[in-house]
């Protein structure tokens, strides 16, 4: 596997925009790019991102933060000025929000992408774009592991539909206006700084009720999990080592783990014994909620052809995440806040 430095050296862009760069995955990309001497712009409206995630980045003279919204043409134009490459991560990450407020996903995940592409089209300085799509676009895939050319694609959630719509917009703009685009369909990405997700949810619940854990669904939901440091390696690698106008890659681990197994790992890491696991039963055959994909495993053969292999299994990524969360939030928990 190539080092971070050798990979980033292949990113010829000197100035890079990270949309949603104050968020979970985005802030990790920002840190890595700055470590390797890149000039980094971040555009974030802080609706889900946190300035605390950029604490280290703000110490760098190569870092510039723009608080603004992709829906605002002026905000986006200002942040994009002089940038040759964009990592587009800004999105509403709450999958379940689409049940009660589908327009929010449409505005924050589709319209924002369109607005960004319009600014790129008009400024003409951007040579490439990396987009974080999602495994949820596949819906209930009948083929596991699921390859990139699987079809027909039938997303089950508004979040998955919005990501798929954004993929189509990006592909059309890239072909029409001559920049390169890499679309990365991410599995469940976990690790420090994540505000949402099953591992953090379980830790928060067990802090409040150490003897009982409510689990949405029937516990047999089984999915692939990837640690955030490995994810950002892949995002950079997929762009640095490819040349075609539009590339699509699955990004995940090679195995999966169940919600029940995640609960067992979290309780073990927290040092809890005799925890009663209470299952909600779920909907539609044990799903956690409407639109929840019950079984997911991505085929990452194309990614491995670039020379990358995951270092963690899904269970190891879960354990590392739980340990990181406990360390990160120990002060908060100890103070009772």
C-alpha atoms as a PDB file:
ATOM      1  CA  UNK A   1       0.000   0.000   0.000  1.00  0.00           C
ATOM      2  CA  UNK A   2       1.306   3.431  -0.911  1.00  0.00           C
ATOM      3  CA  UNK A   3       1.960   5.973   1.837  1.00  0.00           C
ATOM      4  CA  UNK A   4      -0.297   8.970   2.367  1.00  0.00           C
ATOM      5  CA  UNK A   5       2.460  11.267   1.157  1.00  0.00           C
ATOM      6  CA  UNK A   6       2.985   9.367  -2.086  1.00  0.00           C
ATOM      7  CA  UNK A   7      -0.743   9.293  -2.772  1.00  0.00           C
ATOM      8  CA  UNK A   8      -1.318  12.958  -2.062  1.00  0.00           C
ATOM      9  CA  UNK A   9       1.701  13.900  -4.158  1.00  0.00           C
ATOM     10  CA  UNK A  10      -0.257  12.540  -7.110  1.00  0.00           C
ATOM     11  CA  UNK A  11      -2.991  15.100  -6.427  1.00  0.00           C
ATOM     12  CA  UNK A  12      -1.582  17.834  -8.625  1.00  0.00           C
ATOM     13  CA  UNK A  13      -4.082  20.375  -7.306  1.00  0.00           C
ATOM     14  CA  UNK A  14      -2.444  22.828  -4.911  1.00  0.00           C
ATOM     15  CA  UNK A  15      -5.697  24.270  -3.571  1.00  0.00           C
ATOM     16  CA  UNK A  16      -8.557  21.943  -2.648  1.00  0.00           C
ATOM     17  CA  UNK A  17     -12.111  22.595  -1.482  1.00  0.00           C
ATOM     18  CA  UNK A  18     -13.752  20.210   0.970  1.00  0.00           C
ATOM     19  CA  UNK A  19     -17.501  20.772   1.234  1.00  0.00           C
ATOM     20  CA  UNK A  20     -18.808  19.618   4.580  1.00  0.00           C
ATOM     21  CA  UNK A  21     -15.239  19.753   5.849  1.00  0.00           C
ATOM     22  CA  UNK A  22     -16.280  20.376   9.455  1.00  0.00           C
ATOM     23  CA  UNK A  23     -18.127  17.069   9.494  1.00  0.00           C
ATOM     24  CA  UNK A  24     -17.043  13.577  10.449  1.00  0.00           C
ATOM     25  CA  UNK A  25     -15.318  12.280   7.315  1.00  0.00           C
ATOM     26  CA  UNK A  26     -14.593  15.712   5.857  1.00  0.00           C
ATOM     27  CA  UNK A  27     -12.545  16.899   8.822  1.00  0.00           C
ATOM     28  CA  UNK A  28     -10.339  13.809   8.622  1.00  0.00           C
ATOM     29  CA  UNK A  29      -9.672  14.528   4.935  1.00  0.00           C
ATOM     30  CA  UNK A  30      -8.836  18.138   5.780  1.00  0.00           C
ATOM     31  CA  UNK A  31      -6.293  17.070   8.403  1.00  0.00           C
ATOM     32  CA  UNK A  32      -4.589  14.642   6.036  1.00  0.00           C
ATOM     33  CA  UNK A  33      -4.384  17.124   3.144  1.00  0.00           C
ATOM     34  CA  UNK A  34      -2.930  19.818   5.401  1.00  0.00           C
ATOM     35  CA  UNK A  35      -0.343  17.394   6.789  1.00  0.00           C
ATOM     36  CA  UNK A  36       0.927  16.967   3.246  1.00  0.00           C
ATOM     37  CA  UNK A  37       1.172  20.703   2.529  1.00  0.00           C
ATOM     38  CA  UNK A  38      -1.985  21.273   0.480  1.00  0.00           C
ATOM     39  CA  UNK A  39      -3.937  24.524   0.661  1.00  0.00           C
ATOM     40  CA  UNK A  40      -7.386  23.592   1.908  1.00  0.00           C
ATOM     41  CA  UNK A  41     -10.647  25.509   1.773  1.00  0.00           C
ATOM     42  CA  UNK A  42     -13.628  24.267   3.775  1.00  0.00           C
ATOM     43  CA  UNK A  43     -17.212  25.298   3.096  1.00  0.00           C
ATOM     44  CA  UNK A  44     -19.634  24.234   5.818  1.00  0.00           C
ATOM     45  CA  UNK A  45     -22.878  25.672   7.163  1.00  0.00           C
ATOM     46  CA  UNK A  46     -22.271  23.896  10.511  1.00  0.00           C
ATOM     47  CA  UNK A  47     -25.737  22.338  10.495  1.00  0.00           C
ATOM     48  CA  UNK A  48     -24.167  18.991  11.364  1.00  0.00           C
ATOM     49  CA  UNK A  49     -20.443  19.766  11.288  1.00  0.00           C
ATOM     50  CA  UNK A  50     -18.511  21.190  14.250  1.00  0.00           C
ATOM     51  CA  UNK A  51     -15.686  23.700  14.412  1.00  0.00           C
ATOM     52  CA  UNK A  52     -14.175  21.507  17.125  1.00  0.00           C
ATOM     53  CA  UNK A  53     -13.421  18.946  14.402  1.00  0.00           C
ATOM     54  CA  UNK A  54     -11.164  21.534  12.749  1.00  0.00           C
ATOM     55  CA  UNK A  55      -9.232  22.521  15.859  1.00  0.00           C
ATOM     56  CA  UNK A  56      -5.922  21.223  14.508  1.00  0.00           C
ATOM     57  CA  UNK A  57      -6.615  22.477  10.979  1.00  0.00           C
ATOM     58  CA  UNK A  58      -7.147  26.037  12.174  1.00  0.00           C
ATOM     59  CA  UNK A  59      -3.543  26.184  13.310  1.00  0.00           C
ATOM     60  CA  UNK A  60      -2.320  25.833   9.720  1.00  0.00           C
ATOM     61  CA  UNK A  61      -1.667  28.902   7.516  1.00  0.00           C
ATOM     62  CA  UNK A  62      -2.830  26.770   4.562  1.00  0.00           C
ATOM     63  CA  UNK A  63      -6.330  26.391   5.984  1.00  0.00           C
ATOM     64  CA  UNK A  64      -9.250  28.672   5.152  1.00  0.00           C
ATOM     65  CA  UNK A  65     -12.719  28.176   6.610  1.00  0.00           C
ATOM     66  CA  UNK A  66     -15.824  29.578   4.934  1.00  0.00           C
ATOM     67  CA  UNK A  67     -19.032  29.373   6.908  1.00  0.00           C
ATOM     68  CA  UNK A  68     -21.707  29.320   4.261  1.00  0.00           C
ATOM     69  CA  UNK A  69     -24.218  27.237   2.372  1.00  0.00           C
ATOM     70  CA  UNK A  70     -23.902  25.429  -0.945  1.00  0.00           C
ATOM     71  CA  UNK A  71     -27.395  26.698  -1.727  1.00  0.00           C
ATOM     72  CA  UNK A  72     -25.944  30.211  -1.834  1.00  0.00           C
ATOM     73  CA  UNK A  73     -24.109  30.909  -5.100  1.00  0.00           C
ATOM     74  CA  UNK A  74     -21.931  33.644  -3.566  1.00  0.00           C
ATOM     75  CA  UNK A  75     -20.883  31.470  -0.606  1.00  0.00           C
ATOM     76  CA  UNK A  76     -19.898  28.635  -2.920  1.00  0.00           C
ATOM     77  CA  UNK A  77     -18.090  30.892  -5.404  1.00  0.00           C
ATOM     78  CA  UNK A  78     -16.055  32.497  -2.642  1.00  0.00           C
ATOM     79  CA  UNK A  79     -15.000  29.169  -1.152  1.00  0.00           C
ATOM     80  CA  UNK A  80     -14.204  27.661  -4.564  1.00  0.00           C
ATOM     81  CA  UNK A  81     -11.981  30.518  -5.713  1.00  0.00           C
ATOM     82  CA  UNK A  82      -8.676  29.192  -7.029  1.00  0.00           C
ATOM     83  CA  UNK A  83      -9.488  25.550  -6.196  1.00  0.00           C
ATOM     84  CA  UNK A  84      -8.659  22.843  -8.719  1.00  0.00           C
ATOM     85  CA  UNK A  85     -10.075  19.837  -6.888  1.00  0.00           C
ATOM     86  CA  UNK A  86     -13.228  19.368  -4.798  1.00  0.00           C
ATOM     87  CA  UNK A  87     -14.047  16.712  -2.230  1.00  0.00           C
ATOM     88  CA  UNK A  88     -17.827  16.977  -2.033  1.00  0.00           C
ATOM     89  CA  UNK A  89     -19.033  15.596   1.291  1.00  0.00           C
ATOM     90  CA  UNK A  90     -21.641  18.169   2.326  1.00  0.00           C
ATOM     91  CA  UNK A  91     -24.981  16.416   2.856  1.00  0.00           C
ATOM     92  CA  UNK A  92     -27.698  15.730   5.362  1.00  0.00           C
ATOM     93  CA  UNK A  93     -26.504  12.414   6.814  1.00  0.00           C
ATOM     94  CA  UNK A  94     -29.682  11.523   8.728  1.00  0.00           C
ATOM     95  CA  UNK A  95     -31.124   8.646   6.683  1.00  0.00           C
ATOM     96  CA  UNK A  96     -34.305   8.410   8.756  1.00  0.00           C
ATOM     97  CA  UNK A  97     -35.115  12.094   8.221  1.00  0.00           C
ATOM     98  CA  UNK A  98     -36.311  11.202   4.741  1.00  0.00           C
ATOM     99  CA  UNK A  99     -39.344   9.423   6.193  1.00  0.00           C
ATOM    100  CA  UNK A 100     -40.885  12.573   7.657  1.00  0.00           C
ATOM    101  CA  UNK A 101     -39.080  15.312   5.732  1.00  0.00           C
ATOM    102  CA  UNK A 102     -38.086  14.116   2.254  1.00  0.00           C
ATOM    103  CA  UNK A 103     -37.711  17.693   0.999  1.00  0.00           C
ATOM    104  CA  UNK A 104     -34.799  18.202   3.388  1.00  0.00           C
ATOM    105  CA  UNK A 105     -32.856  15.420   1.666  1.00  0.00           C
ATOM    106  CA  UNK A 106     -33.789  16.797  -1.742  1.00  0.00           C
ATOM    107  CA  UNK A 107     -32.569  20.286  -0.863  1.00  0.00           C
ATOM    108  CA  UNK A 108     -29.495  19.364   1.169  1.00  0.00           C
ATOM    109  CA  UNK A 109     -28.306  16.395  -0.903  1.00  0.00           C
ATOM    110  CA  UNK A 110     -29.519  17.000  -4.466  1.00  0.00           C
ATOM    111  CA  UNK A 111     -29.995  20.740  -4.932  1.00  0.00           C
ATOM    112  CA  UNK A 112     -26.730  21.489  -3.130  1.00  0.00           C
ATOM    113  CA  UNK A 113     -24.897  19.191  -5.539  1.00  0.00           C
ATOM    114  CA  UNK A 114     -26.538  20.885  -8.500  1.00  0.00           C
ATOM    115  CA  UNK A 115     -25.584  24.331  -7.176  1.00  0.00           C
ATOM    116  CA  UNK A 116     -21.978  23.239  -6.649  1.00  0.00           C
ATOM    117  CA  UNK A 117     -21.804  21.865 -10.178  1.00  0.00           C
ATOM    118  CA  UNK A 118     -23.187  25.116 -11.553  1.00  0.00           C
ATOM    119  CA  UNK A 119     -20.456  27.108  -9.815  1.00  0.00           C
ATOM    120  CA  UNK A 120     -17.849  24.649 -11.117  1.00  0.00           C
ATOM    121  CA  UNK A 121     -19.252  25.034 -14.630  1.00  0.00           C
ATOM    122  CA  UNK A 122     -19.108  28.807 -14.503  1.00  0.00           C
ATOM    123  CA  UNK A 123     -15.728  29.261 -12.805  1.00  0.00           C
ATOM    124  CA  UNK A 124     -13.962  26.643 -14.994  1.00  0.00           C
ATOM    125  CA  UNK A 125     -10.991  26.255 -12.581  1.00  0.00           C
ATOM    126  CA  UNK A 126     -11.907  22.841 -11.161  1.00  0.00           C
ATOM    127  CA  UNK A 127     -10.186  19.881 -12.804  1.00  0.00           C
ATOM    128  CA  UNK A 128     -11.645  17.136 -10.632  1.00  0.00           C
ATOM    129  CA  UNK A 129     -14.336  16.222  -8.105  1.00  0.00           C
ATOM    130  CA  UNK A 130     -14.581  13.364  -5.605  1.00  0.00           C
ATOM    131  CA  UNK A 131     -18.105  12.622  -4.375  1.00  0.00           C
ATOM    132  CA  UNK A 132     -19.065  10.518  -1.374  1.00  0.00           C
ATOM    133  CA  UNK A 133     -22.096   8.535  -2.437  1.00  0.00           C
ATOM    134  CA  UNK A 134     -23.541   5.659  -0.424  1.00  0.00           C
ATOM    135  CA  UNK A 135     -24.154   1.924  -0.443  1.00  0.00           C
ATOM    136  CA  UNK A 136     -27.825   2.798   0.198  1.00  0.00           C
ATOM    137  CA  UNK A 137     -28.275   3.532  -3.510  1.00  0.00           C
ATOM    138  CA  UNK A 138     -28.396  -0.243  -4.148  1.00  0.00           C
ATOM    139  CA  UNK A 139     -31.395  -0.781  -1.881  1.00  0.00           C
ATOM    140  CA  UNK A 140     -32.057  -4.452  -1.144  1.00  0.00           C
ATOM    141  CA  UNK A 141     -29.511  -5.841  -3.582  1.00  0.00           C
ATOM    142  CA  UNK A 142     -30.134  -9.452  -4.549  1.00  0.00           C
ATOM    143  CA  UNK A 143     -26.429 -10.017  -5.160  1.00  0.00           C
ATOM    144  CA  UNK A 144     -23.976  -9.919  -2.242  1.00  0.00           C
ATOM    145  CA  UNK A 145     -21.216  -8.765  -2.411  1.00  0.00           C
ATOM    146  CA  UNK A 146     -22.729  -6.097  -4.663  1.00  0.00           C
ATOM    147  CA  UNK A 147     -20.551  -4.852  -7.567  1.00  0.00           C
ATOM    148  CA  UNK A 148     -20.626  -1.349  -9.029  1.00  0.00           C
ATOM    149  CA  UNK A 149     -22.413  -2.524 -12.191  1.00  0.00           C
ATOM    150  CA  UNK A 150     -25.264  -4.167 -10.276  1.00  0.00           C
ATOM    151  CA  UNK A 151     -28.746  -3.329 -11.492  1.00  0.00           C
ATOM    152  CA  UNK A 152     -31.442  -2.353 -11.636  1.00  0.00           C
ATOM    153  CA  UNK A 153     -30.626   0.040  -8.800  1.00  0.00           C
ATOM    154  CA  UNK A 154     -33.631   0.578  -6.531  1.00  0.00           C
ATOM    155  CA  UNK A 155     -32.888   2.754  -3.478  1.00  0.00           C
ATOM    156  CA  UNK A 156     -35.280   2.267  -0.552  1.00  0.00           C
ATOM    157  CA  UNK A 157     -34.716   5.560   1.279  1.00  0.00           C
ATOM    158  CA  UNK A 158     -34.873   9.204   0.266  1.00  0.00           C
ATOM    159  CA  UNK A 159     -31.231   9.449   1.318  1.00  0.00           C
ATOM    160  CA  UNK A 160     -30.227   6.700  -1.112  1.00  0.00           C
ATOM    161  CA  UNK A 161     -32.359   8.224  -3.864  1.00  0.00           C
ATOM    162  CA  UNK A 162     -30.765  11.634  -3.305  1.00  0.00           C
ATOM    163  CA  UNK A 163     -27.277  10.178  -3.508  1.00  0.00           C
ATOM    164  CA  UNK A 164     -28.143   8.349  -6.727  1.00  0.00           C
ATOM    165  CA  UNK A 165     -29.605  11.530  -8.228  1.00  0.00           C
ATOM    166  CA  UNK A 166     -26.409  13.388  -7.315  1.00  0.00           C
ATOM    167  CA  UNK A 167     -24.337  10.696  -9.028  1.00  0.00           C
ATOM    168  CA  UNK A 168     -26.290  11.285 -12.238  1.00  0.00           C
ATOM    169  CA  UNK A 169     -25.835  15.051 -12.072  1.00  0.00           C
ATOM    170  CA  UNK A 170     -22.104  14.733 -11.425  1.00  0.00           C
ATOM    171  CA  UNK A 171     -21.597  12.275 -14.281  1.00  0.00           C
ATOM    172  CA  UNK A 172     -23.459  14.493 -16.756  1.00  0.00           C
ATOM    173  CA  UNK A 173     -21.597  17.668 -15.741  1.00  0.00           C
ATOM    174  CA  UNK A 174     -18.221  15.935 -15.822  1.00  0.00           C
ATOM    175  CA  UNK A 175     -18.785  14.620 -19.337  1.00  0.00           C
ATOM    176  CA  UNK A 176     -20.293  17.868 -20.602  1.00  0.00           C
ATOM    177  CA  UNK A 177     -17.889  20.327 -19.021  1.00  0.00           C
ATOM    178  CA  UNK A 178     -14.636  18.413 -19.106  1.00  0.00           C
ATOM    179  CA  UNK A 179     -13.609  17.769 -15.504  1.00  0.00           C
ATOM    180  CA  UNK A 180     -12.904  14.376 -13.935  1.00  0.00           C
ATOM    181  CA  UNK A 181     -15.273  12.888 -11.375  1.00  0.00           C
ATOM    182  CA  UNK A 182     -14.783   9.993  -8.975  1.00  0.00           C
ATOM    183  CA  UNK A 183     -17.876   8.646  -7.234  1.00  0.00           C
ATOM    184  CA  UNK A 184     -17.243   6.578  -4.100  1.00  0.00           C
ATOM    185  CA  UNK A 185     -20.135   4.500  -2.813  1.00  0.00           C
ATOM    186  CA  UNK A 186     -19.366   4.213   0.877  1.00  0.00           C
ATOM    187  CA  UNK A 187     -20.295   1.426   3.247  1.00  0.00           C
ATOM    188  CA  UNK A 188     -20.973   2.402   6.879  1.00  0.00           C
ATOM    189  CA  UNK A 189     -18.037   4.632   7.817  1.00  0.00           C
ATOM    190  CA  UNK A 190     -17.289   4.769  11.537  1.00  0.00           C
ATOM    191  CA  UNK A 191     -14.660   6.260  13.817  1.00  0.00           C
ATOM    192  CA  UNK A 192     -13.889   9.290  16.010  1.00  0.00           C
ATOM    193  CA  UNK A 193     -15.840  12.540  15.446  1.00  0.00           C
ATOM    194  CA  UNK A 194     -18.958  10.771  14.158  1.00  0.00           C
ATOM    195  CA  UNK A 195     -22.087  12.340  15.641  1.00  0.00           C
ATOM    196  CA  UNK A 196     -24.456   9.616  14.512  1.00  0.00           C
ATOM    197  CA  UNK A 197     -24.333   5.874  13.927  1.00  0.00           C
ATOM    198  CA  UNK A 198     -25.073   2.635  15.702  1.00  0.00           C
ATOM    199  CA  UNK A 199     -21.886   2.535  17.822  1.00  0.00           C
ATOM    200  CA  UNK A 200     -22.354   5.996  19.270  1.00  0.00           C
ATOM    201  CA  UNK A 201     -26.073   5.383  19.703  1.00  0.00           C
ATOM    202  CA  UNK A 202     -25.407   2.241  21.743  1.00  0.00           C
ATOM    203  CA  UNK A 203     -22.811   3.956  23.935  1.00  0.00           C
ATOM    204  CA  UNK A 204     -25.162   6.857  24.645  1.00  0.00           C
ATOM    205  CA  UNK A 205     -28.011   4.496  25.529  1.00  0.00           C
ATOM    206  CA  UNK A 206     -25.840   2.307  27.772  1.00  0.00           C
ATOM    207  CA  UNK A 207     -24.506   5.343  29.603  1.00  0.00           C
ATOM    208  CA  UNK A 208     -28.104   6.183  30.558  1.00  0.00           C
ATOM    209  CA  UNK A 209     -29.269   2.601  31.246  1.00  0.00           C
ATOM    210  CA  UNK A 210     -26.216   0.324  31.799  1.00  0.00           C
ATOM    211  CA  UNK A 211     -28.321  -2.797  32.346  1.00  0.00           C
ATOM    212  CA  UNK A 212     -30.544  -2.515  29.279  1.00  0.00           C
ATOM    213  CA  UNK A 213     -30.009  -1.723  25.590  1.00  0.00           C
ATOM    214  CA  UNK A 214     -32.812  -1.036  23.141  1.00  0.00           C
ATOM    215  CA  UNK A 215     -31.989  -2.201  19.614  1.00  0.00           C
ATOM    216  CA  UNK A 216     -34.030  -1.089  16.622  1.00  0.00           C
ATOM    217  CA  UNK A 217     -35.112  -4.004  14.435  1.00  0.00           C
ATOM    218  CA  UNK A 218     -34.610  -7.676  15.181  1.00  0.00           C
ATOM    219  CA  UNK A 219     -30.814  -7.520  15.568  1.00  0.00           C
ATOM    220  CA  UNK A 220     -30.061  -9.603  12.492  1.00  0.00           C
ATOM    221  CA  UNK A 221     -29.373  -6.594  10.265  1.00  0.00           C
ATOM    222  CA  UNK A 222     -25.921  -7.331   8.863  1.00  0.00           C
ATOM    223  CA  UNK A 223     -23.717  -4.733   7.191  1.00  0.00           C
ATOM    224  CA  UNK A 224     -20.160  -3.786   6.321  1.00  0.00           C
ATOM    225  CA  UNK A 225     -18.289  -1.224   8.427  1.00  0.00           C
ATOM    226  CA  UNK A 226     -15.100   0.663   7.514  1.00  0.00           C
ATOM    227  CA  UNK A 227     -12.889   2.743   9.806  1.00  0.00           C
ATOM    228  CA  UNK A 228     -12.645   6.397   8.808  1.00  0.00           C
ATOM    229  CA  UNK A 229      -8.864   6.459   8.321  1.00  0.00           C
ATOM    230  CA  UNK A 230      -9.207   3.707   5.722  1.00  0.00           C
ATOM    231  CA  UNK A 231     -12.076   5.529   4.044  1.00  0.00           C
ATOM    232  CA  UNK A 232     -10.101   8.708   3.428  1.00  0.00           C
ATOM    233  CA  UNK A 233      -7.212   6.671   2.035  1.00  0.00           C
ATOM    234  CA  UNK A 234      -9.621   5.250  -0.511  1.00  0.00           C
ATOM    235  CA  UNK A 235     -11.107   8.622  -1.464  1.00  0.00           C
ATOM    236  CA  UNK A 236      -7.664   9.972  -2.282  1.00  0.00           C
ATOM    237  CA  UNK A 237      -6.434   6.763  -3.906  1.00  0.00           C
ATOM    238  CA  UNK A 238      -9.461   6.455  -6.203  1.00  0.00           C
ATOM    239  CA  UNK A 239      -8.842   9.905  -7.623  1.00  0.00           C
ATOM    240  CA  UNK A 240      -5.030   9.806  -7.643  1.00  0.00           C
ATOM    241  CA  UNK A 241      -4.709   6.507  -9.481  1.00  0.00           C
ATOM    242  CA  UNK A 242      -7.418   6.773 -12.120  1.00  0.00           C
ATOM    243  CA  UNK A 243      -7.771   8.739 -15.344  1.00  0.00           C
ATOM    244  CA  UNK A 244     -11.193   8.160 -16.885  1.00  0.00           C
ATOM    245  CA  UNK A 245     -13.738  10.970 -17.070  1.00  0.00           C
ATOM    246  CA  UNK A 246     -16.048   9.314 -14.539  1.00  0.00           C
ATOM    247  CA  UNK A 247     -15.051   6.511 -12.190  1.00  0.00           C
ATOM    248  CA  UNK A 248     -17.267   4.676  -9.702  1.00  0.00           C
ATOM    249  CA  UNK A 249     -15.902   2.671  -6.777  1.00  0.00           C
ATOM    250  CA  UNK A 250     -17.428   0.752  -3.895  1.00  0.00           C
ATOM    251  CA  UNK A 251     -15.603   1.588  -0.669  1.00  0.00           C
ATOM    252  CA  UNK A 252     -15.953  -0.769   2.277  1.00  0.00           C
ATOM    253  CA  UNK A 253     -14.519  -3.762   4.089  1.00  0.00           C
ATOM    254  CA  UNK A 254     -14.632  -7.362   2.896  1.00  0.00           C
ATOM    255  CA  UNK A 255     -16.923  -8.705   5.587  1.00  0.00           C
ATOM    256  CA  UNK A 256     -19.906  -7.630   7.666  1.00  0.00           C
ATOM    257  CA  UNK A 257     -21.221  -7.799  11.183  1.00  0.00           C
ATOM    258  CA  UNK A 258     -24.691  -7.845  12.735  1.00  0.00           C
ATOM    259  CA  UNK A 259     -26.330  -5.271  14.974  1.00  0.00           C
ATOM    260  CA  UNK A 260     -26.438  -7.886  17.748  1.00  0.00           C
ATOM    261  CA  UNK A 261     -22.673  -8.451  17.402  1.00  0.00           C
ATOM    262  CA  UNK A 262     -22.080  -4.689  17.531  1.00  0.00           C
ATOM    263  CA  UNK A 263     -24.076  -4.516  20.769  1.00  0.00           C
ATOM    264  CA  UNK A 264     -21.945  -7.300  22.244  1.00  0.00           C
ATOM    265  CA  UNK A 265     -18.696  -5.548  21.248  1.00  0.00           C
ATOM    266  CA  UNK A 266     -19.829  -2.208  22.687  1.00  0.00           C
ATOM    267  CA  UNK A 267     -20.933  -3.708  26.006  1.00  0.00           C
ATOM    268  CA  UNK A 268     -17.610  -5.542  26.270  1.00  0.00           C
ATOM    269  CA  UNK A 269     -15.580  -2.398  25.537  1.00  0.00           C
ATOM    270  CA  UNK A 270     -17.622  -0.499  28.154  1.00  0.00           C
ATOM    271  CA  UNK A 271     -16.945  -3.243  30.692  1.00  0.00           C
ATOM    272  CA  UNK A 272     -20.622  -4.038  31.181  1.00  0.00           C
ATOM    273  CA  UNK A 273     -21.984  -7.479  32.010  1.00  0.00           C
ATOM    274  CA  UNK A 274     -25.476  -8.992  31.996  1.00  0.00           C
ATOM    275  CA  UNK A 275     -26.897  -6.287  29.716  1.00  0.00           C
ATOM    276  CA  UNK A 276     -30.423  -7.102  28.590  1.00  0.00           C
ATOM    277  CA  UNK A 277     -30.769  -6.633  24.836  1.00  0.00           C
ATOM    278  CA  UNK A 278     -34.273  -5.468  23.975  1.00  0.00           C
ATOM    279  CA  UNK A 279     -35.239  -5.631  20.297  1.00  0.00           C
ATOM    280  CA  UNK A 280     -37.946  -3.357  18.931  1.00  0.00           C
ATOM    281  CA  UNK A 281     -38.841  -5.989  16.346  1.00  0.00           C
ATOM    282  CA  UNK A 282     -38.607  -3.379  13.621  1.00  0.00           C
ATOM    283  CA  UNK A 283     -40.612  -3.115  10.445  1.00  0.00           C
ATOM    284  CA  UNK A 284     -40.781  -4.998   7.147  1.00  0.00           C
ATOM    285  CA  UNK A 285     -39.126  -8.184   8.350  1.00  0.00           C
ATOM    286  CA  UNK A 286     -36.931  -6.835  11.134  1.00  0.00           C
ATOM    287  CA  UNK A 287     -35.565  -3.624   9.626  1.00  0.00           C
ATOM    288  CA  UNK A 288     -34.713  -0.843  12.043  1.00  0.00           C
ATOM    289  CA  UNK A 289     -36.952   1.622  10.211  1.00  0.00           C
ATOM    290  CA  UNK A 290     -38.686   2.150   6.887  1.00  0.00           C
ATOM    291  CA  UNK A 291     -36.006   2.287   4.195  1.00  0.00           C
ATOM    292  CA  UNK A 292     -33.354   0.551   6.286  1.00  0.00           C
ATOM    293  CA  UNK A 293     -31.299  -1.853   4.148  1.00  0.00           C
ATOM    294  CA  UNK A 294     -31.154  -5.053   6.171  1.00  0.00           C
ATOM    295  CA  UNK A 295     -28.249  -6.829   4.449  1.00  0.00           C
ATOM    296  CA  UNK A 296     -25.333  -4.991   2.827  1.00  0.00           C
ATOM    297  CA  UNK A 297     -21.918  -6.057   1.604  1.00  0.00           C
ATOM    298  CA  UNK A 298     -20.078  -4.306  -1.218  1.00  0.00           C
ATOM    299  CA  UNK A 299     -17.837  -5.947  -3.782  1.00  0.00           C
ATOM    300  CA  UNK A 300     -14.558  -3.995  -3.512  1.00  0.00           C
ATOM    301  CA  UNK A 301     -12.667  -5.857  -6.249  1.00  0.00           C
ATOM    302  CA  UNK A 302     -12.150  -2.672  -8.317  1.00  0.00           C
ATOM    303  CA  UNK A 303     -10.716  -0.884  -5.296  1.00  0.00           C
ATOM    304  CA  UNK A 304      -8.344  -3.759  -4.553  1.00  0.00           C
ATOM    305  CA  UNK A 305      -7.091  -3.634  -8.134  1.00  0.00           C
ATOM    306  CA  UNK A 306      -5.651  -0.210  -7.273  1.00  0.00           C
ATOM    307  CA  UNK A 307      -3.484  -1.851  -4.628  1.00  0.00           C
ATOM    308  CA  UNK A 308      -5.616  -1.188  -1.547  1.00  0.00           C
ATOM    309  CA  UNK A 309      -6.742  -3.726   1.029  1.00  0.00           C
ATOM    310  CA  UNK A 310      -8.644  -3.078   4.269  1.00  0.00           C
ATOM    311  CA  UNK A 311      -6.616  -3.513   7.435  1.00  0.00           C
ATOM    312  CA  UNK A 312      -9.615  -3.880   9.757  1.00  0.00           C
ATOM    313  CA  UNK A 313     -12.501  -6.297   9.659  1.00  0.00           C
ATOM    314  CA  UNK A 314     -15.946  -4.814  10.326  1.00  0.00           C
ATOM    315  CA  UNK A 315     -15.843  -6.068  13.918  1.00  0.00           C
ATOM    316  CA  UNK A 316     -12.367  -4.611  14.468  1.00  0.00           C
ATOM    317  CA  UNK A 317     -13.526  -1.264  13.089  1.00  0.00           C
ATOM    318  CA  UNK A 318     -16.494  -1.326  15.481  1.00  0.00           C
ATOM    319  CA  UNK A 319     -14.230  -2.092  18.435  1.00  0.00           C
ATOM    320  CA  UNK A 320     -11.748   0.660  17.517  1.00  0.00           C
ATOM    321  CA  UNK A 321     -14.628   3.118  17.153  1.00  0.00           C
ATOM    322  CA  UNK A 322     -16.143   2.204  20.525  1.00  0.00           C
ATOM    323  CA  UNK A 323     -12.753   2.620  22.199  1.00  0.00           C
ATOM    324  CA  UNK A 324     -12.235   5.995  20.504  1.00  0.00           C
ATOM    325  CA  UNK A 325     -15.696   7.211  21.540  1.00  0.00           C
ATOM    326  CA  UNK A 326     -15.167   6.213  25.161  1.00  0.00           C
ATOM    327  CA  UNK A 327     -11.866   8.081  25.243  1.00  0.00           C
ATOM    328  CA  UNK A 328     -13.324  11.099  23.422  1.00  0.00           C
ATOM    329  CA  UNK A 329     -16.394  11.420  25.619  1.00  0.00           C
ATOM    330  CA  UNK A 330     -15.058  10.219  28.977  1.00  0.00           C
ATOM    331  CA  UNK A 331     -14.871  13.765  30.315  1.00  0.00           C
ATOM    332  CA  UNK A 332     -18.475  14.458  29.308  1.00  0.00           C
ATOM    333  CA  UNK A 333     -19.763  11.232  30.817  1.00  0.00           C
ATOM    334  CA  UNK A 334     -17.743  11.607  34.020  1.00  0.00           C
ATOM    335  CA  UNK A 335     -19.107  15.129  34.541  1.00  0.00           C
ATOM    336  CA  UNK A 336     -22.674  13.968  34.019  1.00  0.00           C
ATOM    337  CA  UNK A 337     -23.299  16.430  31.173  1.00  0.00           C
END
